[in-house]
Amino acid sequence: MAITREMLFPLAFYKKAKFNGSKGAYNYRIEKHTEEGADEIQFMLTIWEGPECYDATRKEKKTSLYPFSDEGMEEIMKVLNSLR
């Protein structure tokens, strides 16, 4: 099943919370991220393989940053939909 924009909540949600989900054999987390000493807010997408949750997994986690905007969320959605 493809991930749609509606499944990933409005931008305001990410100002206060993290979103965890899964697609196929992968889990992911979307969260607000600010580099130390910077003012720019970004999305951080973390993807890892396996059934374990973020805190319990020993698998390698891959992270990437996107603009904190609807366009950034569209990019995240494309990445997630490319997972098998």
PDB file of N, CA and C in Angstrom:
ATOM      1  N   MET A   1       0.843  -1.180   0.000  1.00  0.00           N
ATOM      2  CA  MET A   1       0.000   0.000   0.000  1.00  0.00           C
ATOM      3  C   MET A   1       0.887   1.241   0.000  1.00  0.00           C
ATOM      4  N   ALA A   2       0.574   2.155  -0.858  1.00  0.00           N
ATOM      5  CA  ALA A   2       1.344   3.396  -0.959  1.00  0.00           C
ATOM      6  C   ALA A   2       1.022   4.316   0.210  1.00  0.00           C
ATOM      7  N   ILE A   3       2.037   5.026   0.652  1.00  0.00           N
ATOM      8  CA  ILE A   3       1.864   6.022   1.711  1.00  0.00           C
ATOM      9  C   ILE A   3       1.394   7.312   1.053  1.00  0.00           C
ATOM     10  N   THR A   4       0.313   7.870   1.579  1.00  0.00           N
ATOM     11  CA  THR A   4      -0.229   9.118   1.041  1.00  0.00           C
ATOM     12  C   THR A   4       0.114  10.270   1.982  1.00  0.00           C
ATOM     13  N   ARG A   5      -0.025  11.464   1.481  1.00  0.00           N
ATOM     14  CA  ARG A   5       0.279  12.661   2.285  1.00  0.00           C
ATOM     15  C   ARG A   5      -0.613  12.712   3.515  1.00  0.00           C
ATOM     16  N   GLU A   6      -1.846  12.303   3.403  1.00  0.00           N
ATOM     17  CA  GLU A   6      -2.780  12.336   4.527  1.00  0.00           C
ATOM     18  C   GLU A   6      -2.346  11.410   5.661  1.00  0.00           C
ATOM     19  N   MET A   7      -1.624  10.348   5.339  1.00  0.00           N
ATOM     20  CA  MET A   7      -1.156   9.396   6.356  1.00  0.00           C
ATOM     21  C   MET A   7      -0.028   9.960   7.217  1.00  0.00           C
ATOM     22  N   LEU A   8       0.609  11.038   6.750  1.00  0.00           N
ATOM     23  CA  LEU A   8       1.798  11.555   7.431  1.00  0.00           C
ATOM     24  C   LEU A   8       1.534  12.799   8.278  1.00  0.00           C
ATOM     25  N   PHE A   9       0.307  13.165   8.485  1.00  0.00           N
ATOM     26  CA  PHE A   9      -0.105  14.257   9.379  1.00  0.00           C
ATOM     27  C   PHE A   9       0.338  15.635   8.887  1.00  0.00           C
ATOM     28  N   PRO A  10      -0.319  16.680   9.370  1.00  0.00           N
ATOM     29  CA  PRO A  10       0.036  18.061   9.004  1.00  0.00           C
ATOM     30  C   PRO A  10       1.370  18.479   9.638  1.00  0.00           C
ATOM     31  N   LEU A  11       1.976  19.510   9.095  1.00  0.00           N
ATOM     32  CA  LEU A  11       3.258  20.001   9.605  1.00  0.00           C
ATOM     33  C   LEU A  11       3.200  20.351  11.083  1.00  0.00           C
ATOM     34  N   ALA A  12       2.091  20.898  11.543  1.00  0.00           N
ATOM     35  CA  ALA A  12       1.973  21.312  12.949  1.00  0.00           C
ATOM     36  C   ALA A  12       2.199  20.135  13.902  1.00  0.00           C
ATOM     37  N   PHE A  13       1.827  18.929  13.508  1.00  0.00           N
ATOM     38  CA  PHE A  13       2.035  17.742  14.340  1.00  0.00           C
ATOM     39  C   PHE A  13       3.509  17.583  14.688  1.00  0.00           C
ATOM     40  N   TYR A  14       4.391  17.796  13.708  1.00  0.00           N
ATOM     41  CA  TYR A  14       5.826  17.541  13.879  1.00  0.00           C
ATOM     42  C   TYR A  14       6.530  18.613  14.710  1.00  0.00           C
ATOM     43  N   LYS A  15       5.862  19.713  14.980  1.00  0.00           N
ATOM     44  CA  LYS A  15       6.457  20.724  15.855  1.00  0.00           C
ATOM     45  C   LYS A  15       6.511  20.233  17.293  1.00  0.00           C
ATOM     46  N   LYS A  16       5.646  19.241  17.636  1.00  0.00           N
ATOM     47  CA  LYS A  16       5.575  18.762  19.017  1.00  0.00           C
ATOM     48  C   LYS A  16       5.804  17.263  19.164  1.00  0.00           C
ATOM     49  N   ALA A  17       5.750  16.514  18.073  1.00  0.00           N
ATOM     50  CA  ALA A  17       5.806  15.051  18.202  1.00  0.00           C
ATOM     51  C   ALA A  17       6.613  14.425  17.075  1.00  0.00           C
ATOM     52  N   LYS A  18       6.984  13.167  17.281  1.00  0.00           N
ATOM     53  CA  LYS A  18       7.668  12.355  16.273  1.00  0.00           C
ATOM     54  C   LYS A  18       6.655  11.356  15.735  1.00  0.00           C
ATOM     55  N   PHE A  19       6.848  10.966  14.487  1.00  0.00           N
ATOM     56  CA  PHE A  19       5.960   9.989  13.875  1.00  0.00           C
ATOM     57  C   PHE A  19       6.760   8.743  13.533  1.00  0.00           C
ATOM     58  N   ASN A  20       6.299   7.595  13.993  1.00  0.00           N
ATOM     59  CA  ASN A  20       6.926   6.315  13.686  1.00  0.00           C
ATOM     60  C   ASN A  20       5.966   5.495  12.850  1.00  0.00           C
ATOM     61  N   GLY A  21       6.510   4.836  11.828  1.00  0.00           N
ATOM     62  CA  GLY A  21       5.687   4.003  10.968  1.00  0.00           C
ATOM     63  C   GLY A  21       6.509   2.885  10.363  1.00  0.00           C
ATOM     64  N   SER A  22       5.857   2.111   9.513  1.00  0.00           N
ATOM     65  CA  SER A  22       6.569   1.028   8.834  1.00  0.00           C
ATOM     66  C   SER A  22       5.998   0.840   7.439  1.00  0.00           C
ATOM     67  N   LYS A  23       6.835   0.294   6.575  1.00  0.00           N
ATOM     68  CA  LYS A  23       6.425  -0.047   5.219  1.00  0.00           C
ATOM     69  C   LYS A  23       7.253  -1.239   4.784  1.00  0.00           C
ATOM     70  N   GLY A  24       6.597  -2.330   4.494  1.00  0.00           N
ATOM     71  CA  GLY A  24       7.304  -3.544   4.116  1.00  0.00           C
ATOM     72  C   GLY A  24       8.210  -4.006   5.251  1.00  0.00           C
ATOM     73  N   ALA A  25       9.470  -4.265   4.937  1.00  0.00           N
ATOM     74  CA  ALA A  25      10.430  -4.754   5.928  1.00  0.00           C
ATOM     75  C   ALA A  25      11.124  -3.619   6.677  1.00  0.00           C
ATOM     76  N   TYR A  26      10.704  -2.379   6.463  1.00  0.00           N
ATOM     77  CA  TYR A  26      11.389  -1.218   7.030  1.00  0.00           C
ATOM     78  C   TYR A  26      10.501  -0.456   8.017  1.00  0.00           C
ATOM     79  N   ASN A  27      11.159   0.141   8.976  1.00  0.00           N
ATOM     80  CA  ASN A  27      10.528   1.075   9.908  1.00  0.00           C
ATOM     81  C   ASN A  27      11.106   2.455   9.630  1.00  0.00           C
ATOM     82  N   TYR A  28      10.373   3.472  10.018  1.00  0.00           N
ATOM     83  CA  TYR A  28      10.875   4.836   9.830  1.00  0.00           C
ATOM     84  C   TYR A  28      10.370   5.741  10.931  1.00  0.00           C
ATOM     85  N   ARG A  29      11.103   6.824  11.105  1.00  0.00           N
ATOM     86  CA  ARG A  29      10.715   7.876  12.049  1.00  0.00           C
ATOM     87  C   ARG A  29      10.898   9.214  11.336  1.00  0.00           C
ATOM     88  N   ILE A  30       9.893  10.077  11.471  1.00  0.00           N
ATOM     89  CA  ILE A  30       9.954  11.441  10.947  1.00  0.00           C
ATOM     90  C   ILE A  30       9.882  12.367  12.147  1.00  0.00           C
ATOM     91  N   GLU A  31      10.826  13.300  12.222  1.00  0.00           N
ATOM     92  CA  GLU A  31      10.841  14.222  13.354  1.00  0.00           C
ATOM     93  C   GLU A  31      11.422  15.573  12.958  1.00  0.00           C
ATOM     94  N   LYS A  32      11.118  16.559  13.771  1.00  0.00           N
ATOM     95  CA  LYS A  32      11.677  17.900  13.605  1.00  0.00           C
ATOM     96  C   LYS A  32      13.133  17.855  14.029  1.00  0.00           C
ATOM     97  N   HIS A  33      13.990  18.565  13.289  1.00  0.00           N
ATOM     98  CA  HIS A  33      15.420  18.562  13.606  1.00  0.00           C
ATOM     99  C   HIS A  33      15.981  19.959  13.382  1.00  0.00           C
ATOM    100  N   THR A  34      16.801  20.410  14.311  1.00  0.00           N
ATOM    101  CA  THR A  34      17.515  21.679  14.174  1.00  0.00           C
ATOM    102  C   THR A  34      18.978  21.428  14.478  1.00  0.00           C
ATOM    103  N   GLU A  35      19.849  21.781  13.536  1.00  0.00           N
ATOM    104  CA  GLU A  35      21.285  21.644  13.765  1.00  0.00           C
ATOM    105  C   GLU A  35      21.690  22.535  14.937  1.00  0.00           C
ATOM    106  N   GLU A  36      22.638  22.084  15.716  1.00  0.00           N
ATOM    107  CA  GLU A  36      23.110  22.864  16.860  1.00  0.00           C
ATOM    108  C   GLU A  36      23.639  24.213  16.387  1.00  0.00           C
ATOM    109  N   GLY A  37      23.144  25.270  16.982  1.00  0.00           N
ATOM    110  CA  GLY A  37      23.563  26.623  16.649  1.00  0.00           C
ATOM    111  C   GLY A  37      22.872  27.214  15.433  1.00  0.00           C
ATOM    112  N   ALA A  38      21.959  26.481  14.823  1.00  0.00           N
ATOM    113  CA  ALA A  38      21.260  26.972  13.635  1.00  0.00           C
ATOM    114  C   ALA A  38      19.810  27.301  13.981  1.00  0.00           C
ATOM    115  N   ASP A  39      19.206  28.138  13.167  1.00  0.00           N
ATOM    116  CA  ASP A  39      17.807  28.508  13.359  1.00  0.00           C
ATOM    117  C   ASP A  39      16.878  27.720  12.450  1.00  0.00           C
ATOM    118  N   GLU A  40      17.415  27.134  11.397  1.00  0.00           N
ATOM    119  CA  GLU A  40      16.602  26.442  10.405  1.00  0.00           C
ATOM    120  C   GLU A  40      16.069  25.107  10.941  1.00  0.00           C
ATOM    121  N   ILE A  41      14.773  24.924  10.819  1.00  0.00           N
ATOM    122  CA  ILE A  41      14.134  23.673  11.212  1.00  0.00           C
ATOM    123  C   ILE A  41      14.054  22.782   9.977  1.00  0.00           C
ATOM    124  N   GLN A  42      14.350  21.510  10.157  1.00  0.00           N
ATOM    125  CA  GLN A  42      14.280  20.542   9.076  1.00  0.00           C
ATOM    126  C   GLN A  42      13.528  19.301   9.544  1.00  0.00           C
ATOM    127  N   PHE A  43      13.148  18.465   8.589  1.00  0.00           N
ATOM    128  CA  PHE A  43      12.670  17.128   8.899  1.00  0.00           C
ATOM    129  C   PHE A  43      13.872  16.206   8.899  1.00  0.00           C
ATOM    130  N   MET A  44      13.903  15.290   9.860  1.00  0.00           N
ATOM    131  CA  MET A  44      14.877  14.210   9.828  1.00  0.00           C
ATOM    132  C   MET A  44      14.099  12.916   9.620  1.00  0.00           C
ATOM    133  N   LEU A  45      14.451  12.205   8.566  1.00  0.00           N
ATOM    134  CA  LEU A  45      13.864  10.908   8.282  1.00  0.00           C
ATOM    135  C   LEU A  45      14.895   9.846   8.631  1.00  0.00           C
ATOM    136  N   THR A  46      14.519   8.907   9.475  1.00  0.00           N
ATOM    137  CA  THR A  46      15.387   7.795   9.851  1.00  0.00           C
ATOM    138  C   THR A  46      14.707   6.511   9.419  1.00  0.00           C
ATOM    139  N   ILE A  47      15.469   5.666   8.713  1.00  0.00           N
ATOM    140  CA  ILE A  47      14.941   4.398   8.211  1.00  0.00           C
ATOM    141  C   ILE A  47      15.840   3.270   8.691  1.00  0.00           C
ATOM    142  N   TRP A  48      15.224   2.172   9.139  1.00  0.00           N
ATOM    143  CA  TRP A  48      15.988   0.986   9.523  1.00  0.00           C
ATOM    144  C   TRP A  48      15.174  -0.254   9.187  1.00  0.00           C
ATOM    145  N   GLU A  49      15.877  -1.368   9.018  1.00  0.00           N
ATOM    146  CA  GLU A  49      15.233  -2.626   8.656  1.00  0.00           C
ATOM    147  C   GLU A  49      14.923  -3.445   9.901  1.00  0.00           C
ATOM    148  N   GLY A  50      13.837  -4.185   9.844  1.00  0.00           N
ATOM    149  CA  GLY A  50      13.516  -5.122  10.915  1.00  0.00           C
ATOM    150  C   GLY A  50      12.308  -4.733  11.728  1.00  0.00           C
ATOM    151  N   PRO A  51      11.882  -5.652  12.562  1.00  0.00           N
ATOM    152  CA  PRO A  51      10.664  -5.423  13.337  1.00  0.00           C
ATOM    153  C   PRO A  51      10.876  -4.614  14.621  1.00  0.00           C
ATOM    154  N   GLU A  52      12.128  -4.392  15.014  1.00  0.00           N
ATOM    155  CA  GLU A  52      12.380  -3.707  16.286  1.00  0.00           C
ATOM    156  C   GLU A  52      12.050  -2.215  16.193  1.00  0.00           C
ATOM    157  N   CYS A  53      11.695  -1.660  17.333  1.00  0.00           N
ATOM    158  CA  CYS A  53      11.406  -0.225  17.405  1.00  0.00           C
ATOM    159  C   CYS A  53      12.708   0.576  17.358  1.00  0.00           C
ATOM    160  N   TYR A  54      12.575   1.878  17.227  1.00  0.00           N
ATOM    161  CA  TYR A  54      13.711   2.789  17.083  1.00  0.00           C
ATOM    162  C   TYR A  54      14.737   2.595  18.198  1.00  0.00           C
ATOM    163  N   ASP A  55      14.281   2.556  19.436  1.00  0.00           N
ATOM    164  CA  ASP A  55      15.191   2.474  20.571  1.00  0.00           C
ATOM    165  C   ASP A  55      15.808   1.094  20.765  1.00  0.00           C
ATOM    166  N   ALA A  56      15.166   0.038  20.248  1.00  0.00           N
ATOM    167  CA  ALA A  56      15.637  -1.323  20.506  1.00  0.00           C
ATOM    168  C   ALA A  56      16.452  -1.929  19.368  1.00  0.00           C
ATOM    169  N   THR A  57      16.362  -1.376  18.177  1.00  0.00           N
ATOM    170  CA  THR A  57      17.033  -2.006  17.050  1.00  0.00           C
ATOM    171  C   THR A  57      18.549  -1.898  17.139  1.00  0.00           C
ATOM    172  N   ARG A  58      19.199  -2.915  16.654  1.00  0.00           N
ATOM    173  CA  ARG A  58      20.667  -2.909  16.550  1.00  0.00           C
ATOM    174  C   ARG A  58      21.084  -2.753  15.095  1.00  0.00           C
ATOM    175  N   LYS A  59      20.100  -2.694  14.212  1.00  0.00           N
ATOM    176  CA  LYS A  59      20.372  -2.526  12.787  1.00  0.00           C
ATOM    177  C   LYS A  59      20.828  -1.099  12.513  1.00  0.00           C
ATOM    178  N   GLU A  60      21.542  -0.931  11.419  1.00  0.00           N
ATOM    179  CA  GLU A  60      22.012   0.391  11.020  1.00  0.00           C
ATOM    180  C   GLU A  60      20.821   1.284  10.686  1.00  0.00           C
ATOM    181  N   LYS A  61      20.852   2.502  11.181  1.00  0.00           N
ATOM    182  CA  LYS A  61      19.812   3.488  10.887  1.00  0.00           C
ATOM    183  C   LYS A  61      20.376   4.478   9.876  1.00  0.00           C
ATOM    184  N   LYS A  62      19.611   4.749   8.845  1.00  0.00           N
ATOM    185  CA  LYS A  62      20.017   5.720   7.829  1.00  0.00           C
ATOM    186  C   LYS A  62      19.166   6.964   7.993  1.00  0.00           C
ATOM    187  N   THR A  63      19.824   8.106   8.104  1.00  0.00           N
ATOM    188  CA  THR A  63      19.090   9.358   8.277  1.00  0.00           C
ATOM    189  C   THR A  63      19.323  10.280   7.096  1.00  0.00           C
ATOM    190  N   SER A  64      18.343  11.115   6.827  1.00  0.00           N
ATOM    191  CA  SER A  64      18.448  12.144   5.806  1.00  0.00           C
ATOM    192  C   SER A  64      17.602  13.336   6.244  1.00  0.00           C
ATOM    193  N   LEU A  65      17.970  14.513   5.758  1.00  0.00           N
ATOM    194  CA  LEU A  65      17.301  15.761   6.140  1.00  0.00           C
ATOM    195  C   LEU A  65      16.556  16.347   4.948  1.00  0.00           C
ATOM    196  N   TYR A  66      15.418  16.974   5.258  1.00  0.00           N
ATOM    197  CA  TYR A  66      14.558  17.586   4.251  1.00  0.00           C
ATOM    198  C   TYR A  66      14.037  18.911   4.790  1.00  0.00           C
ATOM    199  N   PRO A  67      13.648  19.812   3.900  1.00  0.00           N
ATOM    200  CA  PRO A  67      13.072  21.074   4.366  1.00  0.00           C
ATOM    201  C   PRO A  67      11.812  20.838   5.193  1.00  0.00           C
ATOM    202  N   PHE A  68      11.623  21.642   6.224  1.00  0.00           N
ATOM    203  CA  PHE A  68      10.426  21.545   7.063  1.00  0.00           C
ATOM    204  C   PHE A  68       9.309  22.307   6.358  1.00  0.00           C
ATOM    205  N   SER A  69       8.746  21.650   5.349  1.00  0.00           N
ATOM    206  CA  SER A  69       7.714  22.270   4.519  1.00  0.00           C
ATOM    207  C   SER A  69       6.890  21.165   3.868  1.00  0.00           C
ATOM    208  N   ASP A  70       5.815  21.565   3.194  1.00  0.00           N
ATOM    209  CA  ASP A  70       5.028  20.580   2.457  1.00  0.00           C
ATOM    210  C   ASP A  70       5.855  19.930   1.356  1.00  0.00           C
ATOM    211  N   GLU A  71       6.754  20.702   0.741  1.00  0.00           N
ATOM    212  CA  GLU A  71       7.616  20.144  -0.295  1.00  0.00           C
ATOM    213  C   GLU A  71       8.567  19.100   0.295  1.00  0.00           C
ATOM    214  N   GLY A  72       9.100  19.370   1.485  1.00  0.00           N
ATOM    215  CA  GLY A  72       9.955  18.411   2.166  1.00  0.00           C
ATOM    216  C   GLY A  72       9.202  17.134   2.498  1.00  0.00           C
ATOM    217  N   MET A  73       7.950  17.274   2.924  1.00  0.00           N
ATOM    218  CA  MET A  73       7.143  16.105   3.244  1.00  0.00           C
ATOM    219  C   MET A  73       6.838  15.306   1.978  1.00  0.00           C
ATOM    220  N   GLU A  74       6.664  15.969   0.860  1.00  0.00           N
ATOM    221  CA  GLU A  74       6.449  15.267  -0.412  1.00  0.00           C
ATOM    222  C   GLU A  74       7.689  14.443  -0.772  1.00  0.00           C
ATOM    223  N   GLU A  75       8.880  15.000  -0.544  1.00  0.00           N
ATOM    224  CA  GLU A  75      10.121  14.267  -0.803  1.00  0.00           C
ATOM    225  C   GLU A  75      10.213  13.031   0.096  1.00  0.00           C
ATOM    226  N   ILE A  76       9.867  13.200   1.361  1.00  0.00           N
ATOM    227  CA  ILE A  76       9.873  12.073   2.307  1.00  0.00           C
ATOM    228  C   ILE A  76       8.906  10.996   1.841  1.00  0.00           C
ATOM    229  N   MET A  77       7.734  11.409   1.409  1.00  0.00           N
ATOM    230  CA  MET A  77       6.725  10.461   0.947  1.00  0.00           C
ATOM    231  C   MET A  77       7.254   9.647  -0.241  1.00  0.00           C
ATOM    232  N   LYS A  78       7.965  10.282  -1.164  1.00  0.00           N
ATOM    233  CA  LYS A  78       8.547   9.577  -2.311  1.00  0.00           C
ATOM    234  C   LYS A  78       9.583   8.545  -1.862  1.00  0.00           C
ATOM    235  N   VAL A  79      10.423   8.928  -0.896  1.00  0.00           N
ATOM    236  CA  VAL A  79      11.428   7.997  -0.374  1.00  0.00           C
ATOM    237  C   VAL A  79      10.746   6.797   0.281  1.00  0.00           C
ATOM    238  N   LEU A  80       9.757   7.054   1.107  1.00  0.00           N
ATOM    239  CA  LEU A  80       9.074   5.961   1.790  1.00  0.00           C
ATOM    240  C   LEU A  80       8.357   5.034   0.806  1.00  0.00           C
ATOM    241  N   ASN A  81       7.794   5.598  -0.240  1.00  0.00           N
ATOM    242  CA  ASN A  81       7.095   4.771  -1.216  1.00  0.00           C
ATOM    243  C   ASN A  81       8.041   3.971  -2.099  1.00  0.00           C
ATOM    244  N   SER A  82       9.328   4.307  -2.062  1.00  0.00           N
ATOM    245  CA  SER A  82      10.308   3.524  -2.819  1.00  0.00           C
ATOM    246  C   SER A  82      10.791   2.300  -2.020  1.00  0.00           C
ATOM    247  N   LEU A  83      10.458   2.229  -0.735  1.00  0.00           N
ATOM    248  CA  LEU A  83      10.859   1.094   0.094  1.00  0.00           C
ATOM    249  C   LEU A  83      10.062  -0.142  -0.288  1.00  0.00           C
ATOM    250  N   ARG A  84      10.681  -1.288  -0.182  1.00  0.00           N
ATOM    251  CA  ARG A  84      10.000  -2.556  -0.492  1.00  0.00           C
ATOM    252  C   ARG A  84       9.778  -3.350   0.745  1.00  0.00           C
TER     253      ARG A  84
END
